[in-house]
Amino acid sequence: SIMLKEVKKIVQSNSSSSAVSPLLLSAEFWFREGFSSFKACKDKNNIALLSINLSQCCKIHANINGKSEKYLENAAKYLENAHVTLEQKDISNKNVWDNVSLELANIFLVLGVRRRRATLNELNLGKEPQSFLSPGTERSIVEPMQRALEIFKSLNDNHQYAAANYQLALFYSKVWMYQRDEAKTRDKLSLAFKHFATAHHHFFAHMKSNEPTFVILSFDISELYVVVSGAEKALLCCLDTDEAFSPNAIRAAKGRGDDYWFEQMGNLASRMEDYLLTLLLSLAKTVNGSKYKEMYRQALKMKQNADHNTANETMEETFEVHNLLIELKRMNSIDT
């Protein structure tokens, strides 16, 4: 286990596979030796724990080698066999069973995400579709994610359950237009919004330290609304992100000493300002009445004023986009 921790440290430091392989192979050798010994004396709990370690070795192989899917499938097999060995969850193996289940769910989620990315790259999404998505390909992506969902739900792991819903939503939000008939198109689009809604509900209610995820999620939902429902619903998604950029969120991140949070949120704040202007300009041109024209002018004015003061905005415990979101929210609530 100590050796495996060292291997993980090397992988996280972006070292080459040549530095990782000897340690990894040595760790696997001793895990297998221990596995055989515990199997001989029928120590089910320790067999399961070593299956977790061997599964993690497969995950590391997947990260440093080209044949990632094969290693992830092997990782899942170790964990599924661990469940077979344990037979069923009871008071004597509850913690071990749950650890195996959690690791298995994470493997299934990673496997589904990698398959999704590979498939979407092949389909060249964003351009005219060259082919429809086959049912078999879709199943190969959705089934491991669905299994991950079921396991996270059984473990009451609400955060990972929301994350898995988010990943499924991303899949359906990209492939709904690649269906063979209108009924399937509506079905996939409905699934995209369903999974997005579940993820949004969780991250909105548990925003602290998850602000970057919540804002990116809001962008993804908003961009889908732009395509299928228009910019008004897309705008509402963005306005709901105001708390993520708030002074309270900034103070909490400072308390955690989370420098990466500031880097992420600074980039997302700039992106949000630009995106709001794009949405409001579109609405000002396409929707009758003066509301969106006034909101666009106000957003433009506030952005121009803020440009003089962006260098030290987080030091003053504020993101300028927070003030912009609050003002736009106020203006949007006024009937005209």
Protein backbone atom coordinates (compact mmCIF):
# COMPACT_ATOMS: atom_id res chain seq x y z
CA SER A 1 0.00 0.00 0.00
CA ILE A 2 2.91 2.35 0.79
CA MET A 3 4.43 1.45 -2.59
CA LEU A 4 1.12 2.19 -4.32
CA LYS A 5 0.99 5.62 -2.64
CA GLU A 6 4.47 6.36 -3.98
CA VAL A 7 3.39 5.31 -7.48
CA LYS A 8 0.40 7.67 -7.27
CA LYS A 9 2.66 10.53 -6.20
CA ILE A 10 4.91 9.96 -9.21
CA VAL A 11 1.91 9.84 -11.58
CA GLN A 12 0.50 13.06 -10.10
CA SER A 13 3.86 14.77 -10.64
CA ASN A 14 3.48 14.05 -14.41
CA SER A 15 6.58 11.88 -14.47
CA SER A 16 7.20 9.60 -17.43
CA SER A 17 5.91 6.04 -17.52
CA SER A 18 9.50 4.78 -17.30
CA ALA A 19 9.70 6.19 -13.77
CA VAL A 20 6.37 4.65 -12.78
CA SER A 21 6.54 1.17 -14.32
CA PRO A 22 9.16 -0.51 -12.07
CA LEU A 23 7.42 0.60 -8.87
CA LEU A 24 3.99 -0.26 -10.25
CA LEU A 25 5.05 -3.74 -11.37
CA SER A 26 6.66 -4.36 -7.98
CA ALA A 27 3.50 -3.23 -6.17
CA GLU A 28 1.36 -5.51 -8.34
CA PHE A 29 3.66 -8.46 -7.68
CA TRP A 30 3.35 -8.14 -3.90
CA PHE A 31 -0.41 -7.52 -4.08
CA ARG A 32 -0.83 -10.72 -6.09
CA GLU A 33 1.35 -12.63 -3.66
CA GLY A 34 -0.79 -11.42 -0.78
CA PHE A 35 -3.95 -12.13 -2.77
CA SER A 36 -2.90 -15.75 -3.26
CA SER A 37 -2.08 -16.17 0.42
CA PHE A 38 -5.39 -14.74 1.62
CA LYS A 39 -7.24 -16.80 -0.97
CA ALA A 40 -5.59 -19.96 0.36
CA CYS A 41 -6.84 -19.22 3.89
CA LYS A 42 -10.23 -17.91 2.64
CA ASP A 43 -9.86 -14.47 4.23
CA LYS A 44 -12.62 -12.79 2.24
CA ASN A 45 -12.19 -9.26 3.59
CA ASN A 46 -8.49 -9.11 2.83
CA ILE A 47 -9.04 -10.66 -0.60
CA ALA A 48 -11.48 -7.80 -1.29
CA LEU A 49 -9.08 -5.15 0.03
CA LEU A 50 -6.27 -6.46 -2.17
CA SER A 51 -8.69 -6.48 -5.10
CA ILE A 52 -9.12 -2.74 -4.52
CA ASN A 53 -5.34 -2.28 -4.60
CA LEU A 54 -5.00 -4.32 -7.80
CA SER A 55 -7.86 -2.33 -9.32
CA GLN A 56 -6.04 0.90 -8.49
CA CYS A 57 -2.93 -0.46 -10.21
CA CYS A 58 -5.06 -0.97 -13.34
CA LYS A 59 -6.28 2.64 -13.07
CA ILE A 60 -2.68 3.85 -12.98
CA HIS A 61 -1.87 1.71 -16.03
CA ALA A 62 -4.86 3.32 -17.77
CA ASN A 63 -3.45 6.77 -17.08
CA ILE A 64 0.05 6.06 -18.36
CA ASN A 65 -0.65 3.68 -21.25
CA GLY A 66 -2.56 3.97 -24.50
CA LYS A 67 -4.90 1.01 -23.94
CA SER A 68 -6.82 2.71 -21.15
CA GLU A 69 -10.15 0.97 -21.74
CA LYS A 70 -8.66 -2.51 -21.36
CA TYR A 71 -7.08 -1.57 -18.03
CA LEU A 72 -10.29 0.03 -16.75
CA GLU A 73 -12.28 -3.07 -17.67
CA ASN A 74 -9.73 -5.19 -15.77
CA ALA A 75 -10.03 -2.84 -12.80
CA ALA A 76 -13.81 -3.34 -12.80
CA LYS A 77 -13.40 -7.14 -12.97
CA TYR A 78 -11.21 -7.17 -9.85
CA LEU A 79 -13.92 -5.28 -7.96
CA GLU A 80 -16.83 -7.30 -9.30
CA ASN A 81 -14.99 -10.49 -8.28
CA ALA A 82 -14.44 -8.94 -4.84
CA HIS A 83 -18.21 -8.60 -4.46
CA VAL A 84 -18.60 -12.24 -5.53
CA THR A 85 -16.05 -13.26 -2.91
CA LEU A 86 -17.81 -11.27 -0.17
CA GLU A 87 -21.13 -12.78 -1.35
CA GLN A 88 -23.33 -10.18 0.35
CA LYS A 89 -23.10 -7.10 2.53
CA ASP A 90 -23.38 -7.81 6.25
CA ILE A 91 -22.14 -6.50 9.57
CA SER A 92 -18.78 -8.30 9.25
CA ASN A 93 -17.85 -6.75 5.89
CA LYS A 94 -19.91 -3.54 5.63
CA ASN A 95 -16.95 -1.15 5.34
CA VAL A 96 -15.05 -3.39 2.93
CA TRP A 97 -18.16 -3.93 0.79
CA ASP A 98 -18.82 -0.18 0.61
CA ASN A 99 -15.18 0.57 -0.28
CA VAL A 100 -15.31 -1.98 -3.09
CA SER A 101 -18.63 -0.51 -4.28
CA LEU A 102 -17.34 3.06 -4.25
CA GLU A 103 -14.21 2.13 -6.17
CA LEU A 104 -16.31 0.16 -8.68
CA ALA A 105 -18.69 3.08 -9.21
CA ASN A 106 -15.77 5.44 -9.84
CA ILE A 107 -14.29 2.99 -12.36
CA PHE A 108 -17.61 2.71 -14.21
CA LEU A 109 -17.95 6.50 -14.32
CA VAL A 110 -14.42 6.99 -15.67
CA LEU A 111 -14.96 4.23 -18.24
CA GLY A 112 -18.20 5.83 -19.45
CA VAL A 113 -16.64 9.29 -19.65
CA ARG A 114 -13.66 8.03 -21.65
CA ARG A 115 -15.91 6.17 -24.07
CA ARG A 116 -18.09 9.26 -24.42
CA ARG A 117 -15.14 11.49 -25.26
CA ALA A 118 -13.76 9.02 -27.80
CA THR A 119 -17.15 8.60 -29.46
CA LEU A 120 -17.89 12.32 -29.63
CA ASN A 121 -14.48 12.97 -31.14
CA GLU A 122 -15.21 10.38 -33.82
CA LEU A 123 -18.60 11.92 -34.56
CA ASN A 124 -17.03 15.36 -35.00
CA LEU A 125 -19.78 17.00 -33.00
CA GLY A 126 -20.38 20.62 -33.75
CA LYS A 127 -20.31 19.94 -37.48
CA GLU A 128 -22.84 18.32 -39.80
CA PRO A 129 -23.24 14.70 -38.63
CA GLN A 130 -21.54 12.18 -40.84
CA SER A 131 -23.38 9.23 -39.27
CA PHE A 132 -25.92 8.42 -36.60
CA LEU A 133 -24.94 7.10 -33.19
CA SER A 134 -25.49 3.35 -33.15
CA PRO A 135 -27.54 1.83 -30.27
CA GLY A 136 -24.60 -0.43 -29.37
CA THR A 137 -22.21 2.50 -29.06
CA GLU A 138 -24.70 4.42 -26.96
CA ARG A 139 -25.20 1.44 -24.62
CA SER A 140 -21.44 1.05 -24.16
CA ILE A 141 -21.31 4.63 -22.84
CA VAL A 142 -24.57 4.82 -20.89
CA GLU A 143 -24.52 1.43 -19.15
CA PRO A 144 -21.36 1.96 -17.07
CA MET A 145 -22.55 5.46 -16.13
CA GLN A 146 -25.95 4.08 -15.12
CA ARG A 147 -24.30 1.40 -13.01
CA ALA A 148 -22.21 4.11 -11.36
CA LEU A 149 -25.40 6.08 -10.64
CA GLU A 150 -27.05 3.06 -9.02
CA ILE A 151 -24.05 2.35 -6.80
CA PHE A 152 -23.60 5.98 -5.70
CA LYS A 153 -27.31 6.11 -4.85
CA SER A 154 -27.10 2.88 -2.83
CA LEU A 155 -24.16 4.34 -0.88
CA ASN A 156 -26.00 7.65 -0.30
CA ASP A 157 -23.05 9.41 -1.92
CA ASN A 158 -25.03 12.42 -3.09
CA HIS A 159 -22.04 14.33 -4.43
CA GLN A 160 -20.85 11.55 -6.72
CA TYR A 161 -24.46 10.76 -7.66
CA ALA A 162 -24.81 14.36 -8.86
CA ALA A 163 -21.46 14.18 -10.66
CA ALA A 164 -22.55 11.03 -12.51
CA ASN A 165 -25.83 12.69 -13.50
CA TYR A 166 -23.80 15.63 -14.83
CA GLN A 167 -21.67 13.34 -16.99
CA LEU A 168 -24.75 11.59 -18.39
CA ALA A 169 -26.34 14.97 -19.10
CA LEU A 170 -23.24 16.04 -21.05
CA PHE A 171 -23.53 12.93 -23.18
CA TYR A 172 -27.22 13.38 -24.01
CA SER A 173 -26.76 17.13 -24.58
CA LYS A 174 -24.30 16.33 -27.38
CA VAL A 175 -25.99 13.38 -29.08
CA TRP A 176 -29.68 14.31 -29.13
CA MET A 177 -29.36 15.72 -32.65
CA TYR A 178 -27.65 12.54 -33.89
CA GLN A 179 -30.73 10.30 -33.61
CA ARG A 180 -32.52 8.46 -36.40
CA ASP A 181 -36.01 9.84 -35.79
CA GLU A 182 -37.82 12.68 -34.05
CA ALA A 183 -39.09 10.54 -31.15
CA LYS A 184 -35.56 9.47 -30.21
CA THR A 185 -34.37 13.05 -30.55
CA ARG A 186 -37.01 14.25 -28.06
CA ASP A 187 -36.19 11.36 -25.73
CA LYS A 188 -32.46 12.13 -25.61
CA LEU A 189 -33.11 15.84 -25.17
CA SER A 190 -35.48 15.09 -22.29
CA LEU A 191 -32.84 12.88 -20.68
CA ALA A 192 -30.25 15.67 -21.00
CA PHE A 193 -32.46 18.12 -19.12
CA LYS A 194 -33.46 15.48 -16.55
CA HIS A 195 -29.85 14.66 -15.63
CA PHE A 196 -28.82 18.32 -15.75
CA ALA A 197 -31.67 19.17 -13.35
CA THR A 198 -30.56 16.51 -10.84
CA ALA A 199 -26.96 17.73 -10.93
CA HIS A 200 -28.01 21.40 -10.73
CA HIS A 201 -30.24 20.75 -7.71
CA HIS A 202 -27.35 19.20 -5.78
CA PHE A 203 -24.63 21.71 -6.65
CA PHE A 204 -26.93 24.69 -6.11
CA ALA A 205 -27.71 23.40 -2.62
CA HIS A 206 -24.06 22.46 -1.90
CA MET A 207 -22.23 25.29 -3.62
CA LYS A 208 -19.52 25.89 -1.02
CA SER A 209 -16.14 24.87 -2.50
CA ASN A 210 -18.04 23.53 -5.55
CA GLU A 211 -18.55 26.95 -7.12
CA PRO A 212 -16.41 26.25 -10.23
CA THR A 213 -18.36 23.06 -10.95
CA PHE A 214 -21.67 24.84 -10.44
CA VAL A 215 -20.76 27.70 -12.78
CA ILE A 216 -19.49 25.36 -15.52
CA LEU A 217 -22.64 23.27 -15.11
CA SER A 218 -24.72 26.43 -15.50
CA PHE A 219 -22.86 27.28 -18.70
CA ASP A 220 -23.58 23.82 -20.09
CA ILE A 221 -27.31 24.04 -19.28
CA SER A 222 -27.49 27.58 -20.62
CA GLU A 223 -25.84 26.62 -23.92
CA LEU A 224 -28.35 23.81 -24.38
CA TYR A 225 -31.23 26.22 -23.72
CA VAL A 226 -29.84 28.60 -26.35
CA VAL A 227 -30.12 25.85 -28.95
CA VAL A 228 -33.53 24.44 -28.04
CA SER A 229 -35.48 27.12 -26.14
CA GLY A 230 -33.90 30.49 -26.80
CA ALA A 231 -31.74 32.91 -24.88
CA GLU A 232 -34.25 33.92 -22.16
CA LYS A 233 -34.02 30.61 -20.26
CA ALA A 234 -30.29 30.57 -20.96
CA LEU A 235 -29.98 33.96 -19.26
CA LEU A 236 -31.85 32.77 -16.16
CA CYS A 237 -29.34 29.92 -15.74
CA CYS A 238 -26.52 32.43 -15.67
CA LEU A 239 -28.22 34.84 -13.28
CA ASP A 240 -28.52 32.03 -10.73
CA THR A 241 -24.72 31.85 -10.44
CA ASP A 242 -24.44 35.14 -8.51
CA GLU A 243 -23.78 33.44 -5.15
CA ALA A 244 -20.84 31.49 -6.63
CA PHE A 245 -19.00 34.80 -7.19
CA SER A 246 -20.09 36.39 -3.91
CA PRO A 247 -17.87 37.87 -1.17
CA ASN A 248 -18.96 34.95 1.06
CA ALA A 249 -17.59 32.45 -1.45
CA ILE A 250 -14.34 34.41 -1.73
CA ARG A 251 -13.87 34.58 2.04
CA ALA A 252 -14.51 30.84 2.36
CA ALA A 253 -11.92 30.08 -0.33
CA LYS A 254 -9.40 32.33 1.41
CA GLY A 255 -10.07 30.47 4.64
CA ARG A 256 -9.28 27.19 2.87
CA GLY A 257 -6.15 28.67 1.30
CA ASP A 258 -7.51 27.52 -2.05
CA ASP A 259 -5.41 29.36 -4.64
CA TYR A 260 -6.61 27.15 -7.49
CA TRP A 261 -10.19 28.17 -6.72
CA PHE A 262 -9.29 31.80 -7.37
CA GLU A 263 -7.60 30.90 -10.65
CA GLN A 264 -10.67 28.96 -11.79
CA MET A 265 -13.23 31.51 -10.66
CA GLY A 266 -11.25 34.42 -12.12
CA ASN A 267 -11.34 32.74 -15.53
CA LEU A 268 -15.04 31.87 -15.13
CA ALA A 269 -15.87 35.45 -14.08
CA SER A 270 -14.37 36.81 -17.31
CA ARG A 271 -16.15 34.17 -19.34
CA MET A 272 -19.46 34.92 -17.61
CA GLU A 273 -19.19 38.66 -18.33
CA ASP A 274 -18.61 38.02 -22.03
CA TYR A 275 -21.34 35.38 -22.21
CA LEU A 276 -23.91 37.65 -20.53
CA LEU A 277 -23.18 40.40 -23.04
CA THR A 278 -23.60 37.94 -25.91
CA LEU A 279 -26.95 36.69 -24.57
CA LEU A 280 -28.27 40.17 -23.83
CA LEU A 281 -27.26 41.48 -27.26
CA SER A 282 -29.11 38.59 -28.88
CA LEU A 283 -32.19 39.22 -26.74
CA ALA A 284 -32.07 42.96 -27.39
CA LYS A 285 -32.17 42.27 -31.12
CA THR A 286 -34.85 39.55 -31.12
CA VAL A 287 -37.27 40.31 -28.27
CA ASN A 288 -39.74 43.18 -28.44
CA GLY A 289 -39.70 45.79 -25.72
CA SER A 290 -36.98 47.77 -24.01
CA LYS A 291 -36.07 45.49 -21.09
CA TYR A 292 -33.24 43.56 -22.70
CA LYS A 293 -31.93 46.65 -24.49
CA GLU A 294 -31.66 48.42 -21.12
CA MET A 295 -30.08 45.36 -19.51
CA TYR A 296 -27.52 45.15 -22.33
CA ARG A 297 -26.62 48.84 -22.00
CA GLN A 298 -26.28 48.48 -18.23
CA ALA A 299 -24.11 45.35 -18.57
CA LEU A 300 -21.88 47.09 -21.10
CA LYS A 301 -21.53 50.14 -18.85
CA MET A 302 -20.69 48.08 -15.77
CA LYS A 303 -18.16 45.99 -17.66
CA GLN A 304 -16.42 49.07 -19.01
CA ASN A 305 -16.26 50.59 -15.51
CA ALA A 306 -14.96 47.32 -14.07
CA ASP A 307 -12.18 47.05 -16.66
CA HIS A 308 -10.32 49.81 -14.79
CA ASN A 309 -10.40 47.83 -11.59
CA THR A 310 -9.92 44.14 -12.40
CA ALA A 311 -6.32 43.68 -11.31
CA ASN A 312 -7.09 43.65 -7.59
CA GLU A 313 -10.73 42.60 -7.53
CA THR A 314 -10.29 39.42 -5.47
CA MET A 315 -8.13 41.25 -2.94
CA GLU A 316 -11.14 43.50 -2.32
CA GLU A 317 -13.25 40.39 -1.70
CA THR A 318 -15.40 40.83 -4.77
CA PHE A 319 -15.69 39.70 -8.35
CA GLU A 320 -17.12 42.48 -10.48
CA VAL A 321 -19.33 39.94 -12.24
CA HIS A 322 -21.14 39.42 -8.93
CA ASN A 323 -22.35 43.02 -8.94
CA LEU A 324 -23.30 42.65 -12.60
CA LEU A 325 -25.32 39.50 -11.93
CA ILE A 326 -27.13 41.10 -8.98
CA GLU A 327 -28.05 44.16 -11.05
CA LEU A 328 -29.21 42.12 -14.04
CA LYS A 329 -31.24 39.90 -11.75
CA ARG A 330 -32.96 43.01 -10.34
CA MET A 331 -33.64 44.43 -13.81
CA ASN A 332 -34.90 41.10 -15.11
CA SER A 333 -37.45 40.86 -12.31
CA ILE A 334 -39.07 44.16 -13.30
CA ASP A 335 -42.04 43.79 -15.63
CA THR A 336 -41.96 46.14 -18.61
